[in-house]
Protein backbone atom coordinates (compact mmCIF):
# COMPACT_ATOMS: atom_id res chain seq x y z
CA MET A 1 191.17 -40.19 33.37
CA GLU A 2 188.68 -38.55 34.60
CA LEU A 3 187.25 -39.21 38.37
CA GLY A 4 184.01 -37.07 38.72
CA ASN A 5 182.98 -35.34 41.64
CA ILE A 6 184.67 -37.27 44.67
CA SER A 7 182.79 -35.72 47.53
CA GLN A 8 179.46 -36.62 46.21
CA PRO A 9 179.54 -39.68 44.24
CA VAL A 10 176.97 -41.10 41.59
CA TYR A 11 176.30 -44.56 41.58
CA GLY A 12 174.78 -46.44 39.08
CA PRO A 13 172.21 -49.11 39.21
CA GLY A 14 174.30 -52.20 39.27
CA PRO A 15 176.54 -54.26 37.43
CA LYS A 16 175.41 -55.65 34.16
CA ALA A 17 176.18 -58.96 32.95
CA PRO A 18 179.06 -58.36 30.02
CA GLY A 19 178.68 -59.95 27.01
CA SER A 20 180.72 -63.22 26.96
CA SER A 21 180.81 -66.59 25.14
CA THR A 22 179.52 -68.56 28.16
CA PRO A 23 176.22 -66.40 29.01
CA GLY A 24 174.91 -69.30 31.15
CA LEU A 25 177.54 -69.19 33.29
CA VAL A 26 177.54 -65.35 33.63
CA GLY A 27 173.63 -65.47 34.36
CA MET A 28 173.72 -67.93 36.97
CA VAL A 29 176.85 -65.96 38.81
CA HIS A 30 174.55 -62.80 38.53
CA GLY A 31 171.55 -64.50 39.97
CA PHE A 32 173.54 -65.84 42.98
CA LEU A 33 174.89 -62.33 43.79
CA GLN A 34 171.25 -60.88 43.33
CA LEU A 35 170.28 -63.34 45.87
CA VAL A 36 172.95 -62.78 48.42
CA GLN A 37 173.02 -59.10 48.25
CA PRO A 38 169.63 -57.89 46.89
CA ASN A 39 169.75 -54.17 48.84
CA ALA A 40 171.78 -51.21 47.77
CA LEU A 41 174.25 -49.86 49.95
CA PRO A 42 173.32 -47.87 52.48
CA ILE A 43 174.77 -44.52 52.01
CA GLY A 44 172.18 -42.06 53.05
CA GLY A 45 171.58 -40.51 56.73
CA TRP A 46 175.57 -40.81 57.12
CA GLY A 47 176.20 -37.54 58.67
CA SER A 48 172.75 -36.09 59.35
CA SER A 49 173.28 -33.00 61.68
CA GLU A 50 169.72 -34.26 63.07
CA MET A 51 170.93 -37.16 64.98
CA PRO A 52 173.82 -37.38 67.75
CA ALA A 53 177.00 -39.06 66.01
CA LEU A 54 176.85 -42.16 68.23
CA CYS A 55 173.46 -42.99 67.30
CA CYS A 56 173.96 -42.38 63.70
CA LEU A 57 176.86 -44.79 63.48
CA SER A 58 175.06 -47.17 65.22
CA PHE A 59 172.19 -47.15 62.64
CA PHE A 60 175.00 -46.86 59.92
CA LEU A 61 176.55 -50.08 61.13
CA SER A 62 173.19 -51.67 61.68
CA GLN A 63 171.97 -50.90 57.80
CA LEU A 64 175.72 -51.86 56.64
CA LEU A 65 175.36 -55.63 58.35
CA LEU A 66 171.83 -56.31 56.75
CA TYR A 67 173.41 -55.24 53.59
CA GLU A 68 176.27 -57.84 54.03
CA LEU A 69 173.84 -60.15 55.59
CA GLY A 70 173.96 -62.54 52.57
CA PHE A 71 177.39 -62.71 52.55
CA LEU A 72 177.68 -63.61 56.08
CA VAL A 73 175.36 -66.38 55.92
CA CYS A 74 177.25 -67.57 53.12
CA MET A 75 180.22 -67.79 55.22
CA ALA A 76 179.27 -69.24 58.00
CA ILE A 77 177.52 -72.35 55.81
CA GLY A 78 181.06 -72.09 54.23
CA LEU A 79 183.23 -72.62 57.51
CA LEU A 80 180.54 -75.03 58.75
CA PHE A 81 181.17 -77.13 55.79
CA ILE A 82 185.05 -76.54 56.07
CA ILE A 83 184.84 -78.04 59.61
CA LEU A 84 182.22 -80.52 59.75
CA VAL A 85 183.07 -82.44 56.16
CA PRO A 86 186.70 -83.33 57.38
CA LEU A 87 185.17 -84.08 60.72
CA VAL A 88 182.94 -87.03 59.24
CA GLY A 89 185.53 -88.20 56.74
CA CYS A 90 187.83 -88.99 59.86
CA CYS A 91 185.15 -90.55 61.93
CA PHE A 92 184.18 -92.71 59.16
CA CYS A 93 187.66 -93.89 58.38
CA CYS A 94 188.31 -94.63 62.52
CA CYS A 95 185.28 -95.78 63.33
CA ARG A 96 184.41 -98.29 60.36
CA CYS A 97 182.73 -101.39 63.02
């Protein structure tokens, strides 16, 4: 197994849908992933000597949060449903008047 150049990795254009017996489901999953995370991973600018380390770190973290924004929104909506659905169900069961 060849690892390639570990210090300077080369990234491809992104995952491709594999051939399967359920192309509709695979297309739907890849469409959702493209909707949630359309941007590439921000790897440029990390460790440049022109900017101080703290400024570079804050810029990198802001770019990383922007990269993960879609997943964070999905997680927030999921947590909202996990909390609200049992609460509304309990209100309907207990307050049937």
